[in-house]
Amino acid sequence: MSIGRIDSFIDIYIERDMKRGILTEKEAQELIDQFTMKLRMVCFIRTPAYNSLFSGNPIWATLSIAGMGLDGRHHVTKTSYRFLNTLHNMGAAPEPNITLLWSDRL
């Protein structure tokens, strides 16, 4: 289950809310931490039949962050860094996979 470039999408709303005074940086980071925590918990809502098919209980959740657009502009946002900071706040885990889309032009 690939969520794609969620950082670029969510960043639009986080930055808007921060400009309006609705969110602080600390609250924005907490939202990203909580979102990641929910992705780590999703395996607990599956049926036992599904779990019996796949050992190790994987959900294959993948978050892609950063990268380049077709027009050559980078897609690195403050929320890209917030997702990376989540690894520091919560520690590493097998899932979700956080894939950094790298280019020499970044």
PDB file of N, CA and C in Angstrom:
ATOM      1  N   MET A   1       0.852  -1.161   0.000  1.00  0.00           N
ATOM      2  CA  MET A   1       0.000   0.000   0.000  1.00  0.00           C
ATOM      3  C   MET A   1       0.901   1.228   0.000  1.00  0.00           C
ATOM      4  N   SER A   2       1.031   1.861  -1.126  1.00  0.00           N
ATOM      5  CA  SER A   2       1.839   3.070  -1.207  1.00  0.00           C
ATOM      6  C   SER A   2       0.945   4.291  -1.064  1.00  0.00           C
ATOM      7  N   ILE A   3       1.310   5.133  -0.142  1.00  0.00           N
ATOM      8  CA  ILE A   3       0.551   6.363   0.072  1.00  0.00           C
ATOM      9  C   ILE A   3       1.073   7.463  -0.842  1.00  0.00           C
ATOM     10  N   GLY A   4       2.251   7.271  -1.394  1.00  0.00           N
ATOM     11  CA  GLY A   4       2.809   8.248  -2.317  1.00  0.00           C
ATOM     12  C   GLY A   4       3.489   9.395  -1.599  1.00  0.00           C
ATOM     13  N   ARG A   5       3.532  10.534  -2.265  1.00  0.00           N
ATOM     14  CA  ARG A   5       4.216  11.717  -1.722  1.00  0.00           C
ATOM     15  C   ARG A   5       3.297  12.466  -0.766  1.00  0.00           C
ATOM     16  N   ILE A   6       3.009  11.843   0.318  1.00  0.00           N
ATOM     17  CA  ILE A   6       2.080  12.413   1.291  1.00  0.00           C
ATOM     18  C   ILE A   6       2.620  13.715   1.886  1.00  0.00           C
ATOM     19  N   ASP A   7       3.937  13.869   1.946  1.00  0.00           N
ATOM     20  CA  ASP A   7       4.514  15.077   2.531  1.00  0.00           C
ATOM     21  C   ASP A   7       4.150  16.323   1.732  1.00  0.00           C
ATOM     22  N   SER A   8       4.177  16.225   0.413  1.00  0.00           N
ATOM     23  CA  SER A   8       3.823  17.374  -0.430  1.00  0.00           C
ATOM     24  C   SER A   8       2.355  17.744  -0.275  1.00  0.00           C
ATOM     25  N   PHE A   9       1.512  16.732  -0.154  1.00  0.00           N
ATOM     26  CA  PHE A   9       0.076  16.966  -0.037  1.00  0.00           C
ATOM     27  C   PHE A   9      -0.276  17.575   1.318  1.00  0.00           C
ATOM     28  N   ILE A  10       0.188  16.950   2.382  1.00  0.00           N
ATOM     29  CA  ILE A  10      -0.148  17.414   3.733  1.00  0.00           C
ATOM     30  C   ILE A  10       0.479  18.776   4.020  1.00  0.00           C
ATOM     31  N   ASP A  11       1.650  19.033   3.465  1.00  0.00           N
ATOM     32  CA  ASP A  11       2.364  20.281   3.741  1.00  0.00           C
ATOM     33  C   ASP A  11       1.538  21.510   3.383  1.00  0.00           C
ATOM     34  N   ILE A  12       0.768  21.431   2.322  1.00  0.00           N
ATOM     35  CA  ILE A  12      -0.075  22.559   1.904  1.00  0.00           C
ATOM     36  C   ILE A  12      -1.006  22.971   3.039  1.00  0.00           C
ATOM     37  N   TYR A  13      -1.631  21.998   3.680  1.00  0.00           N
ATOM     38  CA  TYR A  13      -2.604  22.276   4.734  1.00  0.00           C
ATOM     39  C   TYR A  13      -1.929  22.656   6.049  1.00  0.00           C
ATOM     40  N   ILE A  14      -0.818  22.018   6.360  1.00  0.00           N
ATOM     41  CA  ILE A  14      -0.100  22.370   7.589  1.00  0.00           C
ATOM     42  C   ILE A  14       0.410  23.803   7.502  1.00  0.00           C
ATOM     43  N   GLU A  15       1.028  24.159   6.386  1.00  0.00           N
ATOM     44  CA  GLU A  15       1.557  25.520   6.241  1.00  0.00           C
ATOM     45  C   GLU A  15       0.430  26.552   6.267  1.00  0.00           C
ATOM     46  N   ARG A  16      -0.698  26.237   5.643  1.00  0.00           N
ATOM     47  CA  ARG A  16      -1.845  27.156   5.679  1.00  0.00           C
ATOM     48  C   ARG A  16      -2.305  27.378   7.112  1.00  0.00           C
ATOM     49  N   ASP A  17      -2.448  26.286   7.864  1.00  0.00           N
ATOM     50  CA  ASP A  17      -2.925  26.395   9.241  1.00  0.00           C
ATOM     51  C   ASP A  17      -1.912  27.091  10.144  1.00  0.00           C
ATOM     52  N   MET A  18      -0.634  26.923   9.868  1.00  0.00           N
ATOM     53  CA  MET A  18       0.377  27.625  10.658  1.00  0.00           C
ATOM     54  C   MET A  18       0.327  29.127  10.382  1.00  0.00           C
ATOM     55  N   LYS A  19       0.114  29.516   9.120  1.00  0.00           N
ATOM     56  CA  LYS A  19       0.005  30.942   8.785  1.00  0.00           C
ATOM     57  C   LYS A  19      -1.220  31.573   9.433  1.00  0.00           C
ATOM     58  N   ARG A  20      -2.279  30.797   9.584  1.00  0.00           N
ATOM     59  CA  ARG A  20      -3.510  31.294  10.210  1.00  0.00           C
ATOM     60  C   ARG A  20      -3.453  31.245  11.734  1.00  0.00           C
ATOM     61  N   GLY A  21      -2.392  30.682  12.281  1.00  0.00           N
ATOM     62  CA  GLY A  21      -2.265  30.591  13.731  1.00  0.00           C
ATOM     63  C   GLY A  21      -3.035  29.438  14.345  1.00  0.00           C
ATOM     64  N   ILE A  22      -3.495  28.508  13.523  1.00  0.00           N
ATOM     65  CA  ILE A  22      -4.256  27.355  14.011  1.00  0.00           C
ATOM     66  C   ILE A  22      -3.317  26.297  14.590  1.00  0.00           C
ATOM     67  N   LEU A  23      -2.146  26.141  13.983  1.00  0.00           N
ATOM     68  CA  LEU A  23      -1.153  25.145  14.399  1.00  0.00           C
ATOM     69  C   LEU A  23       0.172  25.816  14.721  1.00  0.00           C
ATOM     70  N   THR A  24       0.889  25.223  15.661  1.00  0.00           N
ATOM     71  CA  THR A  24       2.278  25.603  15.898  1.00  0.00           C
ATOM     72  C   THR A  24       3.163  24.535  15.262  1.00  0.00           C
ATOM     73  N   GLU A  25       4.463  24.788  15.198  1.00  0.00           N
ATOM     74  CA  GLU A  25       5.393  23.789  14.655  1.00  0.00           C
ATOM     75  C   GLU A  25       5.363  22.511  15.489  1.00  0.00           C
ATOM     76  N   LYS A  26       5.294  22.672  16.794  1.00  0.00           N
ATOM     77  CA  LYS A  26       5.250  21.500  17.677  1.00  0.00           C
ATOM     78  C   LYS A  26       4.000  20.664  17.409  1.00  0.00           C
ATOM     79  N   GLU A  27       2.859  21.325  17.227  1.00  0.00           N
ATOM     80  CA  GLU A  27       1.613  20.604  16.937  1.00  0.00           C
ATOM     81  C   GLU A  27       1.656  19.942  15.562  1.00  0.00           C
ATOM     82  N   ALA A  28       2.275  20.605  14.594  1.00  0.00           N
ATOM     83  CA  ALA A  28       2.407  20.016  13.255  1.00  0.00           C
ATOM     84  C   ALA A  28       3.242  18.741  13.321  1.00  0.00           C
ATOM     85  N   GLN A  29       4.342  18.782  14.071  1.00  0.00           N
ATOM     86  CA  GLN A  29       5.176  17.591  14.222  1.00  0.00           C
ATOM     87  C   GLN A  29       4.405  16.481  14.921  1.00  0.00           C
ATOM     88  N   GLU A  30       3.619  16.851  15.915  1.00  0.00           N
ATOM     89  CA  GLU A  30       2.821  15.846  16.627  1.00  0.00           C
ATOM     90  C   GLU A  30       1.798  15.184  15.701  1.00  0.00           C
ATOM     91  N   LEU A  31       1.199  15.954  14.796  1.00  0.00           N
ATOM     92  CA  LEU A  31       0.259  15.374  13.829  1.00  0.00           C
ATOM     93  C   LEU A  31       0.947  14.346  12.933  1.00  0.00           C
ATOM     94  N   ILE A  32       2.144  14.660  12.468  1.00  0.00           N
ATOM     95  CA  ILE A  32       2.890  13.725  11.622  1.00  0.00           C
ATOM     96  C   ILE A  32       3.282  12.489  12.422  1.00  0.00           C
ATOM     97  N   ASP A  33       3.710  12.689  13.672  1.00  0.00           N
ATOM     98  CA  ASP A  33       4.033  11.544  14.539  1.00  0.00           C
ATOM     99  C   ASP A  33       2.812  10.650  14.729  1.00  0.00           C
ATOM    100  N   GLN A  34       1.658  11.260  14.993  1.00  0.00           N
ATOM    101  CA  GLN A  34       0.436  10.481  15.214  1.00  0.00           C
ATOM    102  C   GLN A  34      -0.011   9.760  13.943  1.00  0.00           C
ATOM    103  N   PHE A  35       0.121  10.413  12.802  1.00  0.00           N
ATOM    104  CA  PHE A  35      -0.230   9.776  11.530  1.00  0.00           C
ATOM    105  C   PHE A  35       0.633   8.538  11.301  1.00  0.00           C
ATOM    106  N   THR A  36       1.927   8.680  11.546  1.00  0.00           N
ATOM    107  CA  THR A  36       2.844   7.551  11.390  1.00  0.00           C
ATOM    108  C   THR A  36       2.499   6.440  12.376  1.00  0.00           C
ATOM    109  N   MET A  37       2.143   6.812  13.596  1.00  0.00           N
ATOM    110  CA  MET A  37       1.751   5.825  14.600  1.00  0.00           C
ATOM    111  C   MET A  37       0.525   5.035  14.130  1.00  0.00           C
ATOM    112  N   LYS A  38      -0.425   5.707  13.532  1.00  0.00           N
ATOM    113  CA  LYS A  38      -1.621   5.018  13.021  1.00  0.00           C
ATOM    114  C   LYS A  38      -1.257   4.045  11.906  1.00  0.00           C
ATOM    115  N   LEU A  39      -0.318   4.417  11.054  1.00  0.00           N
ATOM    116  CA  LEU A  39       0.121   3.494  10.006  1.00  0.00           C
ATOM    117  C   LEU A  39       0.798   2.265  10.604  1.00  0.00           C
ATOM    118  N   ARG A  40       1.458   2.445  11.728  1.00  0.00           N
ATOM    119  CA  ARG A  40       2.085   1.304  12.397  1.00  0.00           C
ATOM    120  C   ARG A  40       1.052   0.390  13.048  1.00  0.00           C
ATOM    121  N   MET A  41      -0.118   0.933  13.350  1.00  0.00           N
ATOM    122  CA  MET A  41      -1.148   0.161  14.046  1.00  0.00           C
ATOM    123  C   MET A  41      -2.145  -0.517  13.112  1.00  0.00           C
ATOM    124  N   VAL A  42      -2.136  -0.202  11.839  1.00  0.00           N
ATOM    125  CA  VAL A  42      -3.167  -0.666  10.918  1.00  0.00           C
ATOM    126  C   VAL A  42      -3.242  -2.186  10.841  1.00  0.00           C
ATOM    127  N   CYS A  43      -2.150  -2.870  11.125  1.00  0.00           N
ATOM    128  CA  CYS A  43      -2.160  -4.340  11.047  1.00  0.00           C
ATOM    129  C   CYS A  43      -3.119  -4.958  12.059  1.00  0.00           C
ATOM    130  N   PHE A  44      -3.475  -4.236  13.097  1.00  0.00           N
ATOM    131  CA  PHE A  44      -4.354  -4.792  14.121  1.00  0.00           C
ATOM    132  C   PHE A  44      -5.823  -4.806  13.713  1.00  0.00           C
ATOM    133  N   ILE A  45      -6.184  -4.200  12.589  1.00  0.00           N
ATOM    134  CA  ILE A  45      -7.585  -4.191  12.158  1.00  0.00           C
ATOM    135  C   ILE A  45      -7.882  -5.249  11.104  1.00  0.00           C
ATOM    136  N   ARG A  46      -6.878  -6.042  10.748  1.00  0.00           N
ATOM    137  CA  ARG A  46      -7.081  -7.058   9.717  1.00  0.00           C
ATOM    138  C   ARG A  46      -7.727  -8.308  10.289  1.00  0.00           C
ATOM    139  N   THR A  47      -8.271  -9.097   9.378  1.00  0.00           N
ATOM    140  CA  THR A  47      -8.907 -10.353   9.787  1.00  0.00           C
ATOM    141  C   THR A  47      -7.850 -11.420  10.041  1.00  0.00           C
ATOM    142  N   PRO A  48      -8.139 -12.390  10.903  1.00  0.00           N
ATOM    143  CA  PRO A  48      -7.200 -13.493  11.134  1.00  0.00           C
ATOM    144  C   PRO A  48      -6.892 -14.271   9.851  1.00  0.00           C
ATOM    145  N   ALA A  49      -7.864 -14.364   8.935  1.00  0.00           N
ATOM    146  CA  ALA A  49      -7.630 -15.084   7.677  1.00  0.00           C
ATOM    147  C   ALA A  49      -6.518 -14.417   6.870  1.00  0.00           C
ATOM    148  N   TYR A  50      -6.509 -13.092   6.825  1.00  0.00           N
ATOM    149  CA  TYR A  50      -5.452 -12.377   6.115  1.00  0.00           C
ATOM    150  C   TYR A  50      -4.107 -12.632   6.781  1.00  0.00           C
ATOM    151  N   ASN A  51      -4.095 -12.551   8.100  1.00  0.00           N
ATOM    152  CA  ASN A  51      -2.844 -12.752   8.831  1.00  0.00           C
ATOM    153  C   ASN A  51      -2.273 -14.143   8.616  1.00  0.00           C
ATOM    154  N   SER A  52      -3.148 -15.140   8.421  1.00  0.00           N
ATOM    155  CA  SER A  52      -2.649 -16.501   8.220  1.00  0.00           C
ATOM    156  C   SER A  52      -1.975 -16.666   6.850  1.00  0.00           C
ATOM    157  N   LEU A  53      -2.302 -15.795   5.907  1.00  0.00           N
ATOM    158  CA  LEU A  53      -1.688 -15.860   4.579  1.00  0.00           C
ATOM    159  C   LEU A  53      -0.278 -15.280   4.542  1.00  0.00           C
ATOM    160  N   PHE A  54      -0.026 -14.283   5.377  1.00  0.00           N
ATOM    161  CA  PHE A  54       1.240 -13.554   5.321  1.00  0.00           C
ATOM    162  C   PHE A  54       1.948 -13.624   6.662  1.00  0.00           C
ATOM    163  N   SER A  55       3.071 -14.289   6.696  1.00  0.00           N
ATOM    164  CA  SER A  55       3.830 -14.363   7.942  1.00  0.00           C
ATOM    165  C   SER A  55       4.545 -13.044   8.186  1.00  0.00           C
ATOM    166  N   GLY A  56       4.809 -12.759   9.432  1.00  0.00           N
ATOM    167  CA  GLY A  56       5.497 -11.522   9.770  1.00  0.00           C
ATOM    168  C   GLY A  56       4.584 -10.321   9.847  1.00  0.00           C
ATOM    169  N   ASN A  57       3.298 -10.504   9.533  1.00  0.00           N
ATOM    170  CA  ASN A  57       2.304  -9.465   9.721  1.00  0.00           C
ATOM    171  C   ASN A  57       2.582  -8.181   8.936  1.00  0.00           C
ATOM    172  N   PRO A  58       3.053  -8.247   7.680  1.00  0.00           N
ATOM    173  CA  PRO A  58       3.358  -7.012   6.953  1.00  0.00           C
ATOM    174  C   PRO A  58       2.105  -6.339   6.396  1.00  0.00           C
ATOM    175  N   ILE A  59       2.165  -5.030   6.276  1.00  0.00           N
ATOM    176  CA  ILE A  59       1.102  -4.297   5.578  1.00  0.00           C
ATOM    177  C   ILE A  59       1.652  -3.607   4.334  1.00  0.00           C
ATOM    178  N   TRP A  60       2.958  -3.583   4.206  1.00  0.00           N
ATOM    179  CA  TRP A  60       3.619  -2.981   3.047  1.00  0.00           C
ATOM    180  C   TRP A  60       3.251  -1.515   2.852  1.00  0.00           C
ATOM    181  N   ALA A  61       3.084  -0.794   3.931  1.00  0.00           N
ATOM    182  CA  ALA A  61       2.800   0.641   3.832  1.00  0.00           C
ATOM    183  C   ALA A  61       4.088   1.375   3.476  1.00  0.00           C
ATOM    184  N   THR A  62       4.014   2.225   2.469  1.00  0.00           N
ATOM    185  CA  THR A  62       5.188   2.971   2.016  1.00  0.00           C
ATOM    186  C   THR A  62       4.839   4.446   1.884  1.00  0.00           C
ATOM    187  N   LEU A  63       5.639   5.282   2.525  1.00  0.00           N
ATOM    188  CA  LEU A  63       5.533   6.726   2.378  1.00  0.00           C
ATOM    189  C   LEU A  63       6.701   7.184   1.525  1.00  0.00           C
ATOM    190  N   SER A  64       6.426   7.912   0.471  1.00  0.00           N
ATOM    191  CA  SER A  64       7.491   8.485  -0.356  1.00  0.00           C
ATOM    192  C   SER A  64       7.608   9.953  -0.007  1.00  0.00           C
ATOM    193  N   ILE A  65       8.827  10.406   0.259  1.00  0.00           N
ATOM    194  CA  ILE A  65       9.021  11.821   0.576  1.00  0.00           C
ATOM    195  C   ILE A  65      10.073  12.418  -0.348  1.00  0.00           C
ATOM    196  N   ALA A  66       9.948  13.725  -0.557  1.00  0.00           N
ATOM    197  CA  ALA A  66      10.875  14.527  -1.366  1.00  0.00           C
ATOM    198  C   ALA A  66      10.753  14.176  -2.844  1.00  0.00           C
ATOM    199  N   GLY A  67      11.862  14.066  -3.555  1.00  0.00           N
ATOM    200  CA  GLY A  67      11.827  13.755  -4.982  1.00  0.00           C
ATOM    201  C   GLY A  67      11.766  14.989  -5.860  1.00  0.00           C
ATOM    202  N   MET A  68      11.587  14.728  -7.150  1.00  0.00           N
ATOM    203  CA  MET A  68      11.552  15.780  -8.160  1.00  0.00           C
ATOM    204  C   MET A  68      10.268  15.661  -8.972  1.00  0.00           C
ATOM    205  N   GLY A  69       9.746  16.803  -9.392  1.00  0.00           N
ATOM    206  CA  GLY A  69       8.593  16.806 -10.276  1.00  0.00           C
ATOM    207  C   GLY A  69       9.026  16.667 -11.726  1.00  0.00           C
ATOM    208  N   LEU A  70       8.069  16.443 -12.599  1.00  0.00           N
ATOM    209  CA  LEU A  70       8.371  16.330 -14.029  1.00  0.00           C
ATOM    210  C   LEU A  70       8.964  17.618 -14.590  1.00  0.00           C
ATOM    211  N   ASP A  71       8.619  18.734 -13.960  1.00  0.00           N
ATOM    212  CA  ASP A  71       9.132  20.027 -14.424  1.00  0.00           C
ATOM    213  C   ASP A  71      10.519  20.350 -13.866  1.00  0.00           C
ATOM    214  N   GLY A  72      11.106  19.431 -13.086  1.00  0.00           N
ATOM    215  CA  GLY A  72      12.450  19.632 -12.564  1.00  0.00           C
ATOM    216  C   GLY A  72      12.525  20.295 -11.203  1.00  0.00           C
ATOM    217  N   ARG A  73      11.386  20.725 -10.668  1.00  0.00           N
ATOM    218  CA  ARG A  73      11.389  21.337  -9.334  1.00  0.00           C
ATOM    219  C   ARG A  73      11.426  20.252  -8.269  1.00  0.00           C
ATOM    220  N   HIS A  74      12.102  20.552  -7.165  1.00  0.00           N
ATOM    221  CA  HIS A  74      12.153  19.573  -6.084  1.00  0.00           C
ATOM    222  C   HIS A  74      10.846  19.590  -5.290  1.00  0.00           C
ATOM    223  N   HIS A  75      10.560  18.493  -4.643  1.00  0.00           N
ATOM    224  CA  HIS A  75       9.363  18.365  -3.813  1.00  0.00           C
ATOM    225  C   HIS A  75       9.727  18.198  -2.345  1.00  0.00           C
ATOM    226  N   VAL A  76      10.828  18.783  -1.936  1.00  0.00           N
ATOM    227  CA  VAL A  76      11.223  18.759  -0.532  1.00  0.00           C
ATOM    228  C   VAL A  76      10.435  19.847   0.186  1.00  0.00           C
ATOM    229  N   THR A  77       9.735  19.463   1.248  1.00  0.00           N
ATOM    230  CA  THR A  77       8.931  20.408   2.020  1.00  0.00           C
ATOM    231  C   THR A  77       9.335  20.325   3.489  1.00  0.00           C
ATOM    232  N   LYS A  78       8.809  21.247   4.274  1.00  0.00           N
ATOM    233  CA  LYS A  78       9.043  21.167   5.719  1.00  0.00           C
ATOM    234  C   LYS A  78       8.472  19.867   6.274  1.00  0.00           C
ATOM    235  N   THR A  79       7.398  19.400   5.682  1.00  0.00           N
ATOM    236  CA  THR A  79       6.793  18.153   6.147  1.00  0.00           C
ATOM    237  C   THR A  79       7.651  16.951   5.778  1.00  0.00           C
ATOM    238  N   SER A  80       8.452  17.046   4.731  1.00  0.00           N
ATOM    239  CA  SER A  80       9.431  15.986   4.441  1.00  0.00           C
ATOM    240  C   SER A  80      10.347  15.819   5.648  1.00  0.00           C
ATOM    241  N   TYR A  81      10.810  16.945   6.174  1.00  0.00           N
ATOM    242  CA  TYR A  81      11.677  16.909   7.351  1.00  0.00           C
ATOM    243  C   TYR A  81      10.909  16.462   8.595  1.00  0.00           C
ATOM    244  N   ARG A  82       9.635  16.807   8.669  1.00  0.00           N
ATOM    245  CA  ARG A  82       8.833  16.350   9.818  1.00  0.00           C
ATOM    246  C   ARG A  82       8.728  14.824   9.832  1.00  0.00           C
ATOM    247  N   PHE A  83       8.541  14.209   8.653  1.00  0.00           N
ATOM    248  CA  PHE A  83       8.498  12.744   8.593  1.00  0.00           C
ATOM    249  C   PHE A  83       9.837  12.145   9.005  1.00  0.00           C
ATOM    250  N   LEU A  84      10.940  12.740   8.572  1.00  0.00           N
ATOM    251  CA  LEU A  84      12.251  12.253   8.995  1.00  0.00           C
ATOM    252  C   LEU A  84      12.441  12.428  10.496  1.00  0.00           C
ATOM    253  N   ASN A  85      11.956  13.538  11.035  1.00  0.00           N
ATOM    254  CA  ASN A  85      12.060  13.787  12.473  1.00  0.00           C
ATOM    255  C   ASN A  85      11.235  12.783  13.273  1.00  0.00           C
ATOM    256  N   THR A  86      10.172  12.272  12.678  1.00  0.00           N
ATOM    257  CA  THR A  86       9.364  11.245  13.335  1.00  0.00           C
ATOM    258  C   THR A  86      10.205  10.017  13.655  1.00  0.00           C
ATOM    259  N   LEU A  87      11.134   9.674  12.781  1.00  0.00           N
ATOM    260  CA  LEU A  87      12.016   8.533  13.053  1.00  0.00           C
ATOM    261  C   LEU A  87      12.837   8.777  14.309  1.00  0.00           C
ATOM    262  N   HIS A  88      13.228  10.029  14.535  1.00  0.00           N
ATOM    263  CA  HIS A  88      13.956  10.378  15.752  1.00  0.00           C
ATOM    264  C   HIS A  88      13.020  10.339  16.965  1.00  0.00           C
ATOM    265  N   ASN A  89      11.827  10.900  16.814  1.00  0.00           N
ATOM    266  CA  ASN A  89      10.875  10.967  17.929  1.00  0.00           C
ATOM    267  C   ASN A  89      10.374   9.599  18.364  1.00  0.00           C
ATOM    268  N   MET A  90      10.065   8.743  17.399  1.00  0.00           N
ATOM    269  CA  MET A  90       9.409   7.474  17.701  1.00  0.00           C
ATOM    270  C   MET A  90      10.323   6.265  17.555  1.00  0.00           C
ATOM    271  N   GLY A  91      11.465   6.445  16.941  1.00  0.00           N
ATOM    272  CA  GLY A  91      12.349   5.312  16.693  1.00  0.00           C
ATOM    273  C   GLY A  91      11.972   4.608  15.402  1.00  0.00           C
ATOM    274  N   ALA A  92      12.904   3.839  14.910  1.00  0.00           N
ATOM    275  CA  ALA A  92      12.683   3.119  13.655  1.00  0.00           C
ATOM    276  C   ALA A  92      11.716   1.962  13.862  1.00  0.00           C
ATOM    277  N   ALA A  93      11.036   1.581  12.808  1.00  0.00           N
ATOM    278  CA  ALA A  93      10.114   0.442  12.821  1.00  0.00           C
ATOM    279  C   ALA A  93      10.096  -0.145  11.413  1.00  0.00           C
ATOM    280  N   PRO A  94       9.733  -1.423  11.302  1.00  0.00           N
ATOM    281  CA  PRO A  94       9.694  -2.034   9.971  1.00  0.00           C
ATOM    282  C   PRO A  94       8.720  -1.343   9.027  1.00  0.00           C
ATOM    283  N   GLU A  95       7.619  -0.856   9.579  1.00  0.00           N
ATOM    284  CA  GLU A  95       6.629  -0.190   8.738  1.00  0.00           C
ATOM    285  C   GLU A  95       6.079   1.015   9.477  1.00  0.00           C
ATOM    286  N   PRO A  96       5.688   2.043   8.789  1.00  0.00           N
ATOM    287  CA  PRO A  96       5.710   2.145   7.340  1.00  0.00           C
ATOM    288  C   PRO A  96       7.132   2.355   6.817  1.00  0.00           C
ATOM    289  N   ASN A  97       7.362   1.874   5.612  1.00  0.00           N
ATOM    290  CA  ASN A  97       8.623   2.171   4.933  1.00  0.00           C
ATOM    291  C   ASN A  97       8.604   3.647   4.568  1.00  0.00           C
ATOM    292  N   ILE A  98       9.673   4.335   4.868  1.00  0.00           N
ATOM    293  CA  ILE A  98       9.786   5.727   4.438  1.00  0.00           C
ATOM    294  C   ILE A  98      10.850   5.757   3.352  1.00  0.00           C
ATOM    295  N   THR A  99      10.411   6.045   2.143  1.00  0.00           N
ATOM    296  CA  THR A  99      11.291   6.043   0.984  1.00  0.00           C
ATOM    297  C   THR A  99      11.620   7.477   0.603  1.00  0.00           C
ATOM    298  N   LEU A 100      12.890   7.805   0.639  1.00  0.00           N
ATOM    299  CA  LEU A 100      13.352   9.125   0.239  1.00  0.00           C
ATOM    300  C   LEU A 100      13.662   9.085  -1.251  1.00  0.00           C
ATOM    301  N   LEU A 101      12.937   9.875  -2.034  1.00  0.00           N
ATOM    302  CA  LEU A 101      13.154   9.930  -3.482  1.00  0.00           C
ATOM    303  C   LEU A 101      14.291  10.911  -3.750  1.00  0.00           C
ATOM    304  N   TRP A 102      15.434  10.391  -4.143  1.00  0.00           N
ATOM    305  CA  TRP A 102      16.660  11.169  -4.278  1.00  0.00           C
ATOM    306  C   TRP A 102      16.978  11.461  -5.740  1.00  0.00           C
ATOM    307  N   SER A 103      17.569  12.620  -5.956  1.00  0.00           N
ATOM    308  CA  SER A 103      18.077  12.994  -7.270  1.00  0.00           C
ATOM    309  C   SER A 103      19.345  13.810  -7.073  1.00  0.00           C
ATOM    310  N   ASP A 104      20.273  13.705  -7.998  1.00  0.00           N
ATOM    311  CA  ASP A 104      21.481  14.531  -7.939  1.00  0.00           C
ATOM    312  C   ASP A 104      21.144  16.012  -8.067  1.00  0.00           C
ATOM    313  N   ARG A 105      19.973  16.319  -8.588  1.00  0.00           N
ATOM    314  CA  ARG A 105      19.577  17.716  -8.792  1.00  0.00           C
ATOM    315  C   ARG A 105      18.899  18.324  -7.567  1.00  0.00           C
ATOM    316  N   LEU A 106      18.768  17.561  -6.482  1.00  0.00           N
ATOM    317  CA  LEU A 106      18.159  18.118  -5.268  1.00  0.00           C
ATOM    318  C   LEU A 106      19.099  19.088  -4.598  1.00  0.00           C
TER     319      LEU A 106
END
